[in-house]
């Protein structure tokens, strides 16, 4: 085993851990200093309704984009067998993922109304 094969995953894990550690410790210190200064504790509570709706829209976007990519790959395989051109792969993948995002936009607008 080469040294690079060990160091790359370890450094990725260390960087990810460091980012999360700094985020949570900074957030904790900031909240504690606000509480020490007499700020209201309700500042830290978020509305669950609005954030869950945003999460649903993000999941909807990701799901329909993934479906679009899968359909694009499937369509590209059939087009490649028919034409022999390799250019159909990126074209069909981008086309179908764009259609998936367009569908998620219209579905998201229906849910808002």
Protein backbone atom coordinates (compact mmCIF):
# COMPACT_ATOMS: atom_id res chain seq x y z
CA UNK A 1 0.00 0.00 0.00
CA UNK A 2 1.26 3.42 -0.90
CA UNK A 3 1.28 6.30 1.52
CA UNK A 4 -1.08 8.34 -0.69
CA UNK A 5 -3.75 5.65 -0.46
CA UNK A 6 -3.82 6.11 3.29
CA UNK A 7 -3.30 9.85 3.56
CA UNK A 8 -6.03 10.96 1.16
CA UNK A 9 -8.97 9.34 3.02
CA UNK A 10 -7.51 10.35 6.36
CA UNK A 11 -7.12 13.98 5.28
CA UNK A 12 -10.65 14.07 3.85
CA UNK A 13 -12.03 12.70 7.12
CA UNK A 14 -9.91 15.13 9.17
CA UNK A 15 -11.04 18.13 7.12
CA UNK A 16 -14.70 17.11 7.34
CA UNK A 17 -14.43 16.55 11.08
CA UNK A 18 -12.63 19.89 11.52
CA UNK A 19 -15.29 21.81 9.62
CA UNK A 20 -18.14 20.28 11.63
CA UNK A 21 -16.25 20.77 14.91
CA UNK A 22 -15.60 24.44 14.19
CA UNK A 23 -19.19 25.01 13.09
CA UNK A 24 -20.76 23.50 16.19
CA UNK A 25 -18.31 24.97 18.71
CA UNK A 26 -18.64 28.44 17.19
CA UNK A 27 -22.43 28.16 17.19
CA UNK A 28 -22.38 27.03 20.84
CA UNK A 29 -20.09 29.91 21.90
CA UNK A 30 -22.20 32.43 20.04
CA UNK A 31 -25.38 31.20 21.68
CA UNK A 32 -23.83 31.17 25.13
CA UNK A 33 -22.56 34.72 24.75
CA UNK A 34 -26.00 35.89 23.62
CA UNK A 35 -27.62 34.19 26.61
CA UNK A 36 -25.03 35.76 28.94
CA UNK A 37 -25.92 39.18 27.56
CA UNK A 38 -29.59 38.55 28.30
CA UNK A 39 -30.94 37.72 24.86
CA UNK A 40 -34.16 35.77 24.62
CA UNK A 41 -33.70 32.00 24.20
CA UNK A 42 -36.49 31.86 21.62
CA UNK A 43 -34.01 33.36 19.16
CA UNK A 44 -32.55 29.91 18.63
CA UNK A 45 -35.80 28.14 17.86
CA UNK A 46 -36.71 27.89 14.20
CA UNK A 47 -40.07 27.35 12.61
CA UNK A 48 -40.37 23.68 11.73
CA UNK A 49 -43.10 24.26 9.15
CA UNK A 50 -41.14 26.51 6.80
CA UNK A 51 -37.90 24.54 7.03
CA UNK A 52 -39.63 21.21 6.43
CA UNK A 53 -41.35 22.65 3.35
CA UNK A 54 -38.00 23.83 2.01
CA UNK A 55 -36.51 20.42 2.62
CA UNK A 56 -39.37 18.78 0.77
CA UNK A 57 -38.75 21.00 -2.24
CA UNK A 58 -35.03 20.22 -2.21
CA UNK A 59 -35.74 16.50 -2.00
CA UNK A 60 -38.28 16.83 -4.80
CA UNK A 61 -35.69 18.62 -6.96
CA UNK A 62 -33.03 16.00 -6.26
CA UNK A 63 -35.39 13.10 -6.83
CA UNK A 64 -36.74 14.32 -10.13
CA UNK A 65 -33.24 15.26 -11.32
CA UNK A 66 -31.99 11.78 -10.46
CA UNK A 67 -34.94 10.24 -12.30
CA UNK A 68 -34.14 12.49 -15.25
CA UNK A 69 -30.49 11.42 -15.27
CA UNK A 70 -31.50 7.77 -15.14
CA UNK A 71 -33.96 8.21 -17.99
CA UNK A 72 -31.33 10.17 -19.92
CA UNK A 73 -28.79 7.36 -19.58
CA UNK A 74 -31.39 4.81 -20.65
CA UNK A 75 -32.40 6.93 -23.61
CA UNK A 76 -28.74 7.45 -24.55
CA UNK A 77 -28.09 3.72 -24.60
CA UNK A 78 -30.91 3.20 -27.09
CA UNK A 79 -29.84 6.18 -29.19
CA UNK A 80 -26.22 5.02 -29.21
CA UNK A 81 -27.26 1.59 -30.44
CA UNK A 82 -29.32 3.19 -33.20
CA UNK A 83 -26.86 5.87 -34.31
CA UNK A 84 -23.40 4.86 -33.06
CA UNK A 85 -22.67 8.46 -31.98
CA UNK A 86 -21.22 8.95 -28.51
CA UNK A 87 -22.46 12.53 -28.37
CA UNK A 88 -25.93 11.29 -27.46
CA UNK A 89 -24.82 10.49 -23.90
CA UNK A 90 -24.29 14.03 -22.54
CA UNK A 91 -27.06 15.47 -24.70
CA UNK A 92 -29.72 13.07 -23.49
CA UNK A 93 -28.55 13.19 -19.86
CA UNK A 94 -28.69 17.00 -19.78
CA UNK A 95 -31.99 17.06 -21.64
CA UNK A 96 -33.72 14.62 -19.31
CA UNK A 97 -32.26 16.13 -16.10
CA UNK A 98 -33.41 19.56 -17.30
CA UNK A 99 -36.88 18.17 -17.89
CA UNK A 100 -36.79 16.69 -14.38
CA UNK A 101 -35.90 20.08 -12.90
CA UNK A 102 -38.64 21.72 -14.96
CA UNK A 103 -41.16 19.19 -13.67
CA UNK A 104 -40.04 19.78 -10.08
CA UNK A 105 -40.46 23.53 -10.61
CA UNK A 106 -44.05 23.12 -11.75
CA UNK A 107 -44.85 20.61 -9.00
CA UNK A 108 -43.30 22.95 -6.41
CA UNK A 109 -45.40 25.85 -7.64
CA UNK A 110 -48.55 23.74 -7.36
CA UNK A 111 -47.67 22.83 -3.77
CA UNK A 112 -47.13 26.50 -2.83
CA UNK A 113 -50.60 27.42 -4.06
